[in-house]
Amino acid sequence: MARALPHPGPPVLPRREVVAARLRPVEGVLRPGEVVMDGVARLMAEAGCVGGVLRLSGGHLAPFRYVLPAPSDDGVHAAWYSETHAPDAGGRIAEATAIVGARDGAPFLHCHGRWDTGEATERMGHMLPFDCTVAEPITVTGLGSAAVLFEGLPDEETAFTLFTPRADGAEEGAGRRGLFLRLRPNEDVCGAVEAAAAEAGLRNAEVLGIGSINEVVFEDGRRVSCHATEIAIENGRIGAGRARLDVSVVDIAGTVHRGRLVQGDNPVGVTFELVIAGSEETGS
């Protein structure tokens, strides 16, 4: 993996930021009339959680707003966002993953997903949760922590404000053993996930998360030749210490790609945010 995406600031250590957590289930429905951010904040509060990861499926959003990855033209950032897409038909959620935490002292989330906007092909991108309103109920499932969250903080290396895992000082309580994990630019996604899990003694686990990869490479040899991408893990597992990550990807042209990430050749573009959950039965 020789390619690396340059960023404006110096590399920051550690390259893997990890906080151990106890995870509990989060389940519910986003209700018609709710703004997505408000509905997610309600469900997290009802579960007694400050941070975590959620899966959204079904239902309909109208209005619906999202952006695609895009090249940067400011001479600073390695990548940026497209103009806002606002389809007239709104968006029906196929599957979306949201990393949930806080920014500027208020609930915040980062969401990538696939959706039907009434066009000929399925679309994918980065949802704008303050600009999307639920028109038909959306099913939500996931995992949260009462004591660990992702916090949006300025990042010197990339010049973005990015989610970083941290403990907020609350009591953890019981639950599945897990990790909140942020990967920095140019770290191989599969290798970094395996290393973080191994260090925590998690040989068998579920992996959920979103992020970006500089030129995605799949196990079957397909390559997404684009430095700016948005990724969602749709089926992620660690088995006997080895990561298998099936993902969906959208590039700057809006083309959606799906497949399993090859080991050792998928460097993080800007960031990757993940929750790793030990198996329910053993916690390992």
C-alpha atoms as a PDB file:
ATOM      1  CA  MET A   1       0.000   0.000   0.000  1.00  0.00           C
ATOM      2  CA  ALA A   2       2.316   2.754  -1.259  1.00  0.00           C
ATOM      3  CA  ARG A   3      -0.225   5.532  -1.909  1.00  0.00           C
ATOM      4  CA  ALA A   4      -0.878   8.142   0.769  1.00  0.00           C
ATOM      5  CA  LEU A   5      -3.254  11.094   0.764  1.00  0.00           C
ATOM      6  CA  PRO A   6      -1.461  14.292   1.843  1.00  0.00           C
ATOM      7  CA  HIS A   7      -3.058  16.520   4.494  1.00  0.00           C
ATOM      8  CA  PRO A   8      -2.248  20.083   5.552  1.00  0.00           C
ATOM      9  CA  GLY A   9      -1.058  19.346   9.103  1.00  0.00           C
ATOM     10  CA  PRO A  10       1.623  17.078  10.556  1.00  0.00           C
ATOM     11  CA  PRO A  11       0.694  13.447  11.322  1.00  0.00           C
ATOM     12  CA  VAL A  12      -0.707  13.040  14.821  1.00  0.00           C
ATOM     13  CA  LEU A  13      -0.107  10.115  17.164  1.00  0.00           C
ATOM     14  CA  PRO A  14      -1.645   7.732  17.966  1.00  0.00           C
ATOM     15  CA  ARG A  15      -2.889   6.710  14.523  1.00  0.00           C
ATOM     16  CA  ARG A  16      -5.605   4.612  16.149  1.00  0.00           C
ATOM     17  CA  GLU A  17      -7.629   6.381  18.843  1.00  0.00           C
ATOM     18  CA  VAL A  18      -9.395   3.774  20.992  1.00  0.00           C
ATOM     19  CA  VAL A  19     -11.656   3.941  24.041  1.00  0.00           C
ATOM     20  CA  ALA A  20     -13.075   0.804  25.677  1.00  0.00           C
ATOM     21  CA  ALA A  21     -16.814   0.788  26.337  1.00  0.00           C
ATOM     22  CA  ARG A  22     -19.695  -1.314  27.578  1.00  0.00           C
ATOM     23  CA  LEU A  23     -22.386  -1.459  24.909  1.00  0.00           C
ATOM     24  CA  ARG A  24     -26.141  -1.722  25.284  1.00  0.00           C
ATOM     25  CA  PRO A  25     -28.823  -2.056  22.581  1.00  0.00           C
ATOM     26  CA  VAL A  26     -30.551   1.011  21.165  1.00  0.00           C
ATOM     27  CA  GLU A  27     -33.826   0.394  19.332  1.00  0.00           C
ATOM     28  CA  GLY A  28     -36.809   2.413  18.213  1.00  0.00           C
ATOM     29  CA  VAL A  29     -38.440   4.377  15.446  1.00  0.00           C
ATOM     30  CA  LEU A  30     -37.911   7.862  14.078  1.00  0.00           C
ATOM     31  CA  ARG A  31     -41.381   9.393  14.050  1.00  0.00           C
ATOM     32  CA  PRO A  32     -43.086  11.343  11.267  1.00  0.00           C
ATOM     33  CA  GLY A  33     -42.470  15.049  11.714  1.00  0.00           C
ATOM     34  CA  GLU A  34     -39.178  14.596  13.576  1.00  0.00           C
ATOM     35  CA  VAL A  35     -35.969  16.074  12.243  1.00  0.00           C
ATOM     36  CA  VAL A  36     -33.518  13.156  11.987  1.00  0.00           C
ATOM     37  CA  MET A  37     -31.077  14.658  14.492  1.00  0.00           C
ATOM     38  CA  ASP A  38     -33.860  15.273  17.015  1.00  0.00           C
ATOM     39  CA  GLY A  39     -35.257  11.755  16.635  1.00  0.00           C
ATOM     40  CA  VAL A  40     -31.862  10.125  17.052  1.00  0.00           C
ATOM     41  CA  ALA A  41     -31.091  12.258  20.112  1.00  0.00           C
ATOM     42  CA  ARG A  42     -34.432  11.179  21.623  1.00  0.00           C
ATOM     43  CA  LEU A  43     -33.722   7.467  21.082  1.00  0.00           C
ATOM     44  CA  MET A  44     -30.222   7.745  22.524  1.00  0.00           C
ATOM     45  CA  ALA A  45     -31.528   9.563  25.601  1.00  0.00           C
ATOM     46  CA  GLU A  46     -34.276   6.981  26.088  1.00  0.00           C
ATOM     47  CA  ALA A  47     -31.602   4.244  26.038  1.00  0.00           C
ATOM     48  CA  GLY A  48     -29.445   6.141  28.519  1.00  0.00           C
ATOM     49  CA  CYS A  49     -26.618   6.500  25.984  1.00  0.00           C
ATOM     50  CA  VAL A  50     -24.327   9.407  25.122  1.00  0.00           C
ATOM     51  CA  GLY A  51     -22.705   7.877  22.038  1.00  0.00           C
ATOM     52  CA  GLY A  52     -22.736   4.882  19.765  1.00  0.00           C
ATOM     53  CA  VAL A  53     -23.628   3.606  16.323  1.00  0.00           C
ATOM     54  CA  LEU A  54     -27.070   3.208  14.754  1.00  0.00           C
ATOM     55  CA  ARG A  55     -28.497   1.547  11.658  1.00  0.00           C
ATOM     56  CA  LEU A  56     -31.428   3.264   9.915  1.00  0.00           C
ATOM     57  CA  SER A  57     -33.672   1.423   7.461  1.00  0.00           C
ATOM     58  CA  GLY A  58     -36.999   1.796   5.702  1.00  0.00           C
ATOM     59  CA  GLY A  59     -39.276   4.783   5.913  1.00  0.00           C
ATOM     60  CA  HIS A  60     -39.176   8.033   3.991  1.00  0.00           C
ATOM     61  CA  LEU A  61     -37.567  11.433   4.501  1.00  0.00           C
ATOM     62  CA  ALA A  62     -39.056  14.604   3.014  1.00  0.00           C
ATOM     63  CA  PRO A  63     -37.408  17.021   2.806  1.00  0.00           C
ATOM     64  CA  PHE A  64     -34.208  15.041   2.318  1.00  0.00           C
ATOM     65  CA  ARG A  65     -30.745  16.556   1.931  1.00  0.00           C
ATOM     66  CA  TYR A  66     -27.363  14.901   1.368  1.00  0.00           C
ATOM     67  CA  VAL A  67     -23.932  15.553  -0.129  1.00  0.00           C
ATOM     68  CA  LEU A  68     -21.363  13.523  -2.067  1.00  0.00           C
ATOM     69  CA  PRO A  69     -17.599  13.448  -1.629  1.00  0.00           C
ATOM     70  CA  ALA A  70     -15.801  15.958  -3.840  1.00  0.00           C
ATOM     71  CA  PRO A  71     -12.317  17.250  -4.608  1.00  0.00           C
ATOM     72  CA  SER A  72     -11.193  20.223  -2.568  1.00  0.00           C
ATOM     73  CA  ASP A  73     -10.556  23.520  -4.340  1.00  0.00           C
ATOM     74  CA  ASP A  74      -9.465  25.554  -1.303  1.00  0.00           C
ATOM     75  CA  GLY A  75      -5.791  24.552  -1.405  1.00  0.00           C
ATOM     76  CA  VAL A  76      -6.011  23.232   2.155  1.00  0.00           C
ATOM     77  CA  HIS A  77      -8.212  20.155   2.578  1.00  0.00           C
ATOM     78  CA  ALA A  78      -7.449  16.818   0.917  1.00  0.00           C
ATOM     79  CA  ALA A  79     -11.116  16.404  -0.067  1.00  0.00           C
ATOM     80  CA  TRP A  80     -14.401  18.225   0.391  1.00  0.00           C
ATOM     81  CA  TYR A  81     -18.155  17.924  -0.187  1.00  0.00           C
ATOM     82  CA  SER A  82     -20.367  18.419  -3.217  1.00  0.00           C
ATOM     83  CA  GLU A  83     -23.217  20.871  -3.442  1.00  0.00           C
ATOM     84  CA  THR A  84     -26.290  19.788  -1.494  1.00  0.00           C
ATOM     85  CA  HIS A  85     -28.580  17.303  -3.231  1.00  0.00           C
ATOM     86  CA  ALA A  86     -32.272  17.904  -2.487  1.00  0.00           C
ATOM     87  CA  PRO A  87     -34.359  15.396  -4.489  1.00  0.00           C
ATOM     88  CA  ASP A  88     -37.988  16.398  -5.055  1.00  0.00           C
ATOM     89  CA  ALA A  89     -39.164  12.891  -4.119  1.00  0.00           C
ATOM     90  CA  GLY A  90     -37.268  12.920  -0.828  1.00  0.00           C
ATOM     91  CA  GLY A  91     -35.406   9.753   0.122  1.00  0.00           C
ATOM     92  CA  ARG A  92     -36.437   6.220   1.053  1.00  0.00           C
ATOM     93  CA  ILE A  93     -33.723   4.676   3.202  1.00  0.00           C
ATOM     94  CA  ALA A  94     -32.262   1.371   2.023  1.00  0.00           C
ATOM     95  CA  GLU A  95     -29.624   1.268   4.746  1.00  0.00           C
ATOM     96  CA  ALA A  96     -27.696   3.967   6.578  1.00  0.00           C
ATOM     97  CA  THR A  97     -25.160   3.954   9.405  1.00  0.00           C
ATOM     98  CA  ALA A  98     -24.864   6.836  11.863  1.00  0.00           C
ATOM     99  CA  ILE A  99     -22.044   7.427  14.320  1.00  0.00           C
ATOM    100  CA  VAL A 100     -23.569   9.373  17.210  1.00  0.00           C
ATOM    101  CA  GLY A 101     -21.999  11.690  19.750  1.00  0.00           C
ATOM    102  CA  ALA A 102     -21.752  15.420  20.400  1.00  0.00           C
ATOM    103  CA  ARG A 103     -20.384  18.591  18.885  1.00  0.00           C
ATOM    104  CA  ASP A 104     -20.245  22.005  20.536  1.00  0.00           C
ATOM    105  CA  GLY A 105     -22.026  20.560  23.551  1.00  0.00           C
ATOM    106  CA  ALA A 106     -25.085  19.303  21.650  1.00  0.00           C
ATOM    107  CA  PRO A 107     -26.047  15.928  20.131  1.00  0.00           C
ATOM    108  CA  PHE A 108     -24.522  15.361  16.699  1.00  0.00           C
ATOM    109  CA  LEU A 109     -24.200  12.523  14.219  1.00  0.00           C
ATOM    110  CA  HIS A 110     -22.259  11.523  11.110  1.00  0.00           C
ATOM    111  CA  CYS A 111     -24.272   9.377   8.679  1.00  0.00           C
ATOM    112  CA  HIS A 112     -23.505   7.593   5.392  1.00  0.00           C
ATOM    113  CA  GLY A 113     -26.063   5.462   3.586  1.00  0.00           C
ATOM    114  CA  ARG A 114     -27.887   4.272   0.490  1.00  0.00           C
ATOM    115  CA  TRP A 115     -31.307   5.566  -0.522  1.00  0.00           C
ATOM    116  CA  ASP A 116     -33.949   5.666  -3.248  1.00  0.00           C
ATOM    117  CA  THR A 117     -34.648   9.200  -4.436  1.00  0.00           C
ATOM    118  CA  GLY A 118     -37.039   8.283  -7.234  1.00  0.00           C
ATOM    119  CA  GLU A 119     -34.278   8.244  -9.856  1.00  0.00           C
ATOM    120  CA  ALA A 120     -33.292   5.381 -12.134  1.00  0.00           C
ATOM    121  CA  THR A 121     -30.442   4.240  -9.884  1.00  0.00           C
ATOM    122  CA  GLU A 122     -29.910   3.963  -6.134  1.00  0.00           C
ATOM    123  CA  ARG A 123     -28.054   6.869  -4.574  1.00  0.00           C
ATOM    124  CA  MET A 124     -25.621   7.112  -1.681  1.00  0.00           C
ATOM    125  CA  GLY A 125     -23.950   9.857   0.283  1.00  0.00           C
ATOM    126  CA  HIS A 126     -23.526  11.795   3.516  1.00  0.00           C
ATOM    127  CA  MET A 127     -26.887  12.674   5.095  1.00  0.00           C
ATOM    128  CA  LEU A 128     -27.428  16.169   6.531  1.00  0.00           C
ATOM    129  CA  PRO A 129     -29.352  15.219   9.699  1.00  0.00           C
ATOM    130  CA  PHE A 130     -30.525  18.725  10.618  1.00  0.00           C
ATOM    131  CA  ASP A 131     -32.043  19.176   7.150  1.00  0.00           C
ATOM    132  CA  CYS A 132     -33.982  15.896   6.847  1.00  0.00           C
ATOM    133  CA  THR A 133     -37.483  15.346   8.236  1.00  0.00           C
ATOM    134  CA  VAL A 134     -39.168  11.979   8.743  1.00  0.00           C
ATOM    135  CA  ALA A 135     -42.244  11.498   6.549  1.00  0.00           C
ATOM    136  CA  GLU A 136     -42.759   7.768   7.218  1.00  0.00           C
ATOM    137  CA  PRO A 137     -41.364   5.888  10.264  1.00  0.00           C
ATOM    138  CA  ILE A 138     -37.730   4.798  10.049  1.00  0.00           C
ATOM    139  CA  THR A 139     -36.520   1.737  11.968  1.00  0.00           C
ATOM    140  CA  VAL A 140     -33.438   2.255  14.140  1.00  0.00           C
ATOM    141  CA  THR A 141     -31.247  -0.412  15.746  1.00  0.00           C
ATOM    142  CA  GLY A 142     -27.781  -0.133  17.180  1.00  0.00           C
ATOM    143  CA  LEU A 143     -25.423  -0.060  20.120  1.00  0.00           C
ATOM    144  CA  GLY A 144     -24.677   2.723  22.546  1.00  0.00           C
ATOM    145  CA  SER A 145     -22.656   3.541  25.634  1.00  0.00           C
ATOM    146  CA  ALA A 146     -23.654   5.415  28.758  1.00  0.00           C
ATOM    147  CA  ALA A 147     -20.088   6.582  29.323  1.00  0.00           C
ATOM    148  CA  VAL A 148     -18.277   6.868  25.966  1.00  0.00           C
ATOM    149  CA  LEU A 149     -19.086   9.038  22.976  1.00  0.00           C
ATOM    150  CA  PHE A 150     -17.632  10.468  19.796  1.00  0.00           C
ATOM    151  CA  GLU A 151     -16.952  14.199  20.174  1.00  0.00           C
ATOM    152  CA  GLY A 152     -16.498  16.571  17.237  1.00  0.00           C
ATOM    153  CA  LEU A 153     -13.148  18.306  17.741  1.00  0.00           C
ATOM    154  CA  PRO A 154     -10.860  20.396  15.512  1.00  0.00           C
ATOM    155  CA  ASP A 155      -8.193  18.197  13.932  1.00  0.00           C
ATOM    156  CA  GLU A 156      -4.852  19.825  13.109  1.00  0.00           C
ATOM    157  CA  GLU A 157      -3.740  17.096  10.712  1.00  0.00           C
ATOM    158  CA  THR A 158      -6.729  17.262   8.334  1.00  0.00           C
ATOM    159  CA  ALA A 159      -8.066  20.789   9.113  1.00  0.00           C
ATOM    160  CA  PHE A 160     -11.539  19.283   9.633  1.00  0.00           C
ATOM    161  CA  THR A 161     -13.650  19.022  12.761  1.00  0.00           C
ATOM    162  CA  LEU A 162     -13.852  15.249  13.271  1.00  0.00           C
ATOM    163  CA  PHE A 163     -15.374  12.758  15.670  1.00  0.00           C
ATOM    164  CA  THR A 164     -12.903  11.496  18.278  1.00  0.00           C
ATOM    165  CA  PRO A 165     -13.801   8.858  20.910  1.00  0.00           C
ATOM    166  CA  ARG A 166     -13.612   9.876  24.553  1.00  0.00           C
ATOM    167  CA  ALA A 167     -14.992   8.843  27.926  1.00  0.00           C
ATOM    168  CA  ASP A 168     -17.303  11.387  29.538  1.00  0.00           C
ATOM    169  CA  GLY A 169     -16.775  10.255  33.134  1.00  0.00           C
ATOM    170  CA  ALA A 170     -20.153   8.579  33.669  1.00  0.00           C
ATOM    171  CA  GLU A 171     -20.584   5.098  35.118  1.00  0.00           C
ATOM    172  CA  GLU A 172     -20.306   2.406  32.442  1.00  0.00           C
ATOM    173  CA  GLY A 173     -22.561  -0.296  33.854  1.00  0.00           C
ATOM    174  CA  ALA A 174     -23.048  -3.712  32.282  1.00  0.00           C
ATOM    175  CA  GLY A 175     -23.137  -4.653  28.601  1.00  0.00           C
ATOM    176  CA  ARG A 176     -21.158  -6.130  25.742  1.00  0.00           C
ATOM    177  CA  ARG A 177     -17.450  -5.386  25.722  1.00  0.00           C
ATOM    178  CA  GLY A 178     -16.617  -3.030  22.918  1.00  0.00           C
ATOM    179  CA  LEU A 179     -14.439  -0.282  21.502  1.00  0.00           C
ATOM    180  CA  PHE A 180     -15.039   3.181  20.094  1.00  0.00           C
ATOM    181  CA  LEU A 181     -12.352   3.648  17.435  1.00  0.00           C
ATOM    182  CA  ARG A 182     -11.162   6.436  15.144  1.00  0.00           C
ATOM    183  CA  LEU A 183      -8.572   5.733  12.431  1.00  0.00           C
ATOM    184  CA  ARG A 184      -6.378   8.512  11.105  1.00  0.00           C
ATOM    185  CA  PRO A 185      -5.410   9.103   7.458  1.00  0.00           C
ATOM    186  CA  ASN A 186      -3.455   6.480   5.517  1.00  0.00           C
ATOM    187  CA  GLU A 187      -3.977   3.661   8.049  1.00  0.00           C
ATOM    188  CA  ASP A 188      -5.116   0.407   6.416  1.00  0.00           C
ATOM    189  CA  VAL A 189      -8.694  -0.111   7.582  1.00  0.00           C
ATOM    190  CA  CYS A 190      -8.712  -3.911   7.991  1.00  0.00           C
ATOM    191  CA  GLY A 191      -5.275  -4.038   9.580  1.00  0.00           C
ATOM    192  CA  ALA A 192      -6.036  -1.244  12.034  1.00  0.00           C
ATOM    193  CA  VAL A 193      -9.363  -2.805  13.044  1.00  0.00           C
ATOM    194  CA  GLU A 194      -7.660  -6.153  13.652  1.00  0.00           C
ATOM    195  CA  ALA A 195      -4.866  -4.551  15.684  1.00  0.00           C
ATOM    196  CA  ALA A 196      -7.250  -2.552  17.885  1.00  0.00           C
ATOM    197  CA  ALA A 197      -9.420  -5.604  18.531  1.00  0.00           C
ATOM    198  CA  ALA A 198      -6.408  -7.815  19.287  1.00  0.00           C
ATOM    199  CA  GLU A 199      -5.023  -5.329  21.788  1.00  0.00           C
ATOM    200  CA  ALA A 200      -8.400  -5.403  23.574  1.00  0.00           C
ATOM    201  CA  GLY A 201      -8.614  -9.211  23.497  1.00  0.00           C
ATOM    202  CA  LEU A 202     -11.576  -9.257  21.076  1.00  0.00           C
ATOM    203  CA  ARG A 203     -10.976 -12.115  18.635  1.00  0.00           C
ATOM    204  CA  ASN A 204     -14.612 -12.421  17.527  1.00  0.00           C
ATOM    205  CA  ALA A 205     -16.662  -9.274  17.141  1.00  0.00           C
ATOM    206  CA  GLU A 206     -19.088  -7.205  15.111  1.00  0.00           C
ATOM    207  CA  VAL A 207     -17.681  -4.146  13.311  1.00  0.00           C
ATOM    208  CA  LEU A 208     -19.848  -1.132  12.477  1.00  0.00           C
ATOM    209  CA  GLY A 209     -18.797   2.216  11.117  1.00  0.00           C
ATOM    210  CA  ILE A 210     -18.321   4.780   8.380  1.00  0.00           C
ATOM    211  CA  GLY A 211     -15.478   6.756   6.879  1.00  0.00           C
ATOM    212  CA  SER A 212     -13.457   7.399   3.752  1.00  0.00           C
ATOM    213  CA  ILE A 213     -10.815   5.448   1.852  1.00  0.00           C
ATOM    214  CA  ASN A 214      -8.313   6.669  -0.726  1.00  0.00           C
ATOM    215  CA  GLU A 215      -8.968   4.401  -3.768  1.00  0.00           C
ATOM    216  CA  VAL A 216     -10.984   1.480  -2.420  1.00  0.00           C
ATOM    217  CA  VAL A 217      -9.793  -2.001  -3.421  1.00  0.00           C
ATOM    218  CA  PHE A 218     -12.135  -5.010  -3.155  1.00  0.00           C
ATOM    219  CA  GLU A 219     -11.187  -8.656  -2.661  1.00  0.00           C
ATOM    220  CA  ASP A 220     -12.326  -9.488  -6.203  1.00  0.00           C
ATOM    221  CA  GLY A 221      -9.814  -7.016  -7.655  1.00  0.00           C
ATOM    222  CA  ARG A 222     -12.186  -4.144  -8.433  1.00  0.00           C
ATOM    223  CA  ARG A 223     -10.797  -0.699  -7.609  1.00  0.00           C
ATOM    224  CA  VAL A 224     -12.594   2.604  -7.060  1.00  0.00           C
ATOM    225  CA  SER A 225     -10.024   4.974  -8.547  1.00  0.00           C
ATOM    226  CA  CYS A 226     -11.061   8.007  -6.532  1.00  0.00           C
ATOM    227  CA  HIS A 227      -9.321   9.668  -3.583  1.00  0.00           C
ATOM    228  CA  ALA A 228     -12.577  11.132  -2.177  1.00  0.00           C
ATOM    229  CA  THR A 229     -15.140   8.511  -1.155  1.00  0.00           C
ATOM    230  CA  GLU A 230     -17.848   7.962   1.452  1.00  0.00           C
ATOM    231  CA  ILE A 231     -18.026   4.457   2.961  1.00  0.00           C
ATOM    232  CA  ALA A 232     -20.504   2.559   5.133  1.00  0.00           C
ATOM    233  CA  ILE A 233     -19.774  -0.878   6.577  1.00  0.00           C
ATOM    234  CA  GLU A 234     -22.837  -3.004   5.825  1.00  0.00           C
ATOM    235  CA  ASN A 235     -21.602  -6.305   7.249  1.00  0.00           C
ATOM    236  CA  GLY A 236     -18.471  -6.244   9.367  1.00  0.00           C
ATOM    237  CA  ARG A 237     -17.058  -9.115  11.402  1.00  0.00           C
ATOM    238  CA  ILE A 238     -13.868 -10.148  13.122  1.00  0.00           C
ATOM    239  CA  GLY A 239     -13.515 -13.917  13.211  1.00  0.00           C
ATOM    240  CA  ALA A 240     -10.532 -15.561  14.915  1.00  0.00           C
ATOM    241  CA  GLY A 241      -8.817 -12.177  14.791  1.00  0.00           C
ATOM    242  CA  ARG A 242      -9.353 -11.516  11.070  1.00  0.00           C
ATOM    243  CA  ALA A 243     -11.534  -8.664   9.801  1.00  0.00           C
ATOM    244  CA  ARG A 244     -14.023  -9.145   6.975  1.00  0.00           C
ATOM    245  CA  LEU A 245     -15.647  -5.860   6.000  1.00  0.00           C
ATOM    246  CA  ASP A 246     -18.411  -5.720   3.374  1.00  0.00           C
ATOM    247  CA  VAL A 247     -19.000  -2.095   2.458  1.00  0.00           C
ATOM    248  CA  SER A 248     -20.892   0.270   0.217  1.00  0.00           C
ATOM    249  CA  VAL A 249     -18.949   3.129  -1.378  1.00  0.00           C
ATOM    250  CA  VAL A 250     -19.896   6.267  -3.289  1.00  0.00           C
ATOM    251  CA  ASP A 251     -17.381   8.198  -5.382  1.00  0.00           C
ATOM    252  CA  ILE A 252     -17.333  11.819  -6.570  1.00  0.00           C
ATOM    253  CA  ALA A 253     -19.444  10.936  -9.629  1.00  0.00           C
ATOM    254  CA  GLY A 254     -22.190   9.523  -7.386  1.00  0.00           C
ATOM    255  CA  THR A 255     -21.561   5.934  -8.510  1.00  0.00           C
ATOM    256  CA  VAL A 256     -22.278   3.322  -5.840  1.00  0.00           C
ATOM    257  CA  HIS A 257     -19.944   0.331  -5.442  1.00  0.00           C
ATOM    258  CA  ARG A 258     -20.325  -2.630  -3.055  1.00  0.00           C
ATOM    259  CA  GLY A 259     -17.939  -5.392  -2.042  1.00  0.00           C
ATOM    260  CA  ARG A 260     -15.525  -6.754   0.570  1.00  0.00           C
ATOM    261  CA  LEU A 261     -12.395  -4.746   1.377  1.00  0.00           C
ATOM    262  CA  VAL A 262      -9.134  -6.477   0.523  1.00  0.00           C
ATOM    263  CA  GLN A 263      -6.650  -6.824   3.358  1.00  0.00           C
ATOM    264  CA  GLY A 264      -3.691  -4.429   3.404  1.00  0.00           C
ATOM    265  CA  ASP A 265      -4.649  -2.062   0.581  1.00  0.00           C
ATOM    266  CA  ASN A 266      -7.382   0.303   1.821  1.00  0.00           C
ATOM    267  CA  PRO A 267      -5.851   3.423   3.394  1.00  0.00           C
ATOM    268  CA  VAL A 268      -8.090   5.840   5.264  1.00  0.00           C
ATOM    269  CA  GLY A 269      -8.692   9.053   3.347  1.00  0.00           C
ATOM    270  CA  VAL A 270      -9.709  11.593   6.007  1.00  0.00           C
ATOM    271  CA  THR A 271     -11.139   9.539   8.884  1.00  0.00           C
ATOM    272  CA  PHE A 272     -12.848   6.265   9.774  1.00  0.00           C
ATOM    273  CA  GLU A 273     -15.114   5.987  12.820  1.00  0.00           C
ATOM    274  CA  LEU A 274     -16.068   2.570  14.174  1.00  0.00           C
ATOM    275  CA  VAL A 275     -17.665   0.664  17.006  1.00  0.00           C
ATOM    276  CA  ILE A 276     -16.340  -2.854  17.611  1.00  0.00           C
ATOM    277  CA  ALA A 277     -18.659  -5.051  19.692  1.00  0.00           C
ATOM    278  CA  GLY A 278     -17.542  -8.309  21.263  1.00  0.00           C
ATOM    279  CA  SER A 279     -19.751 -11.342  20.699  1.00  0.00           C
ATOM    280  CA  GLU A 280     -22.907 -11.221  22.805  1.00  0.00           C
ATOM    281  CA  GLU A 281     -22.331 -14.639  24.325  1.00  0.00           C
ATOM    282  CA  THR A 282     -18.735 -14.352  25.469  1.00  0.00           C
ATOM    283  CA  GLY A 283     -17.830 -10.691  25.202  1.00  0.00           C
ATOM    284  CA  SER A 284     -14.654 -11.693  23.353  1.00  0.00           C
END
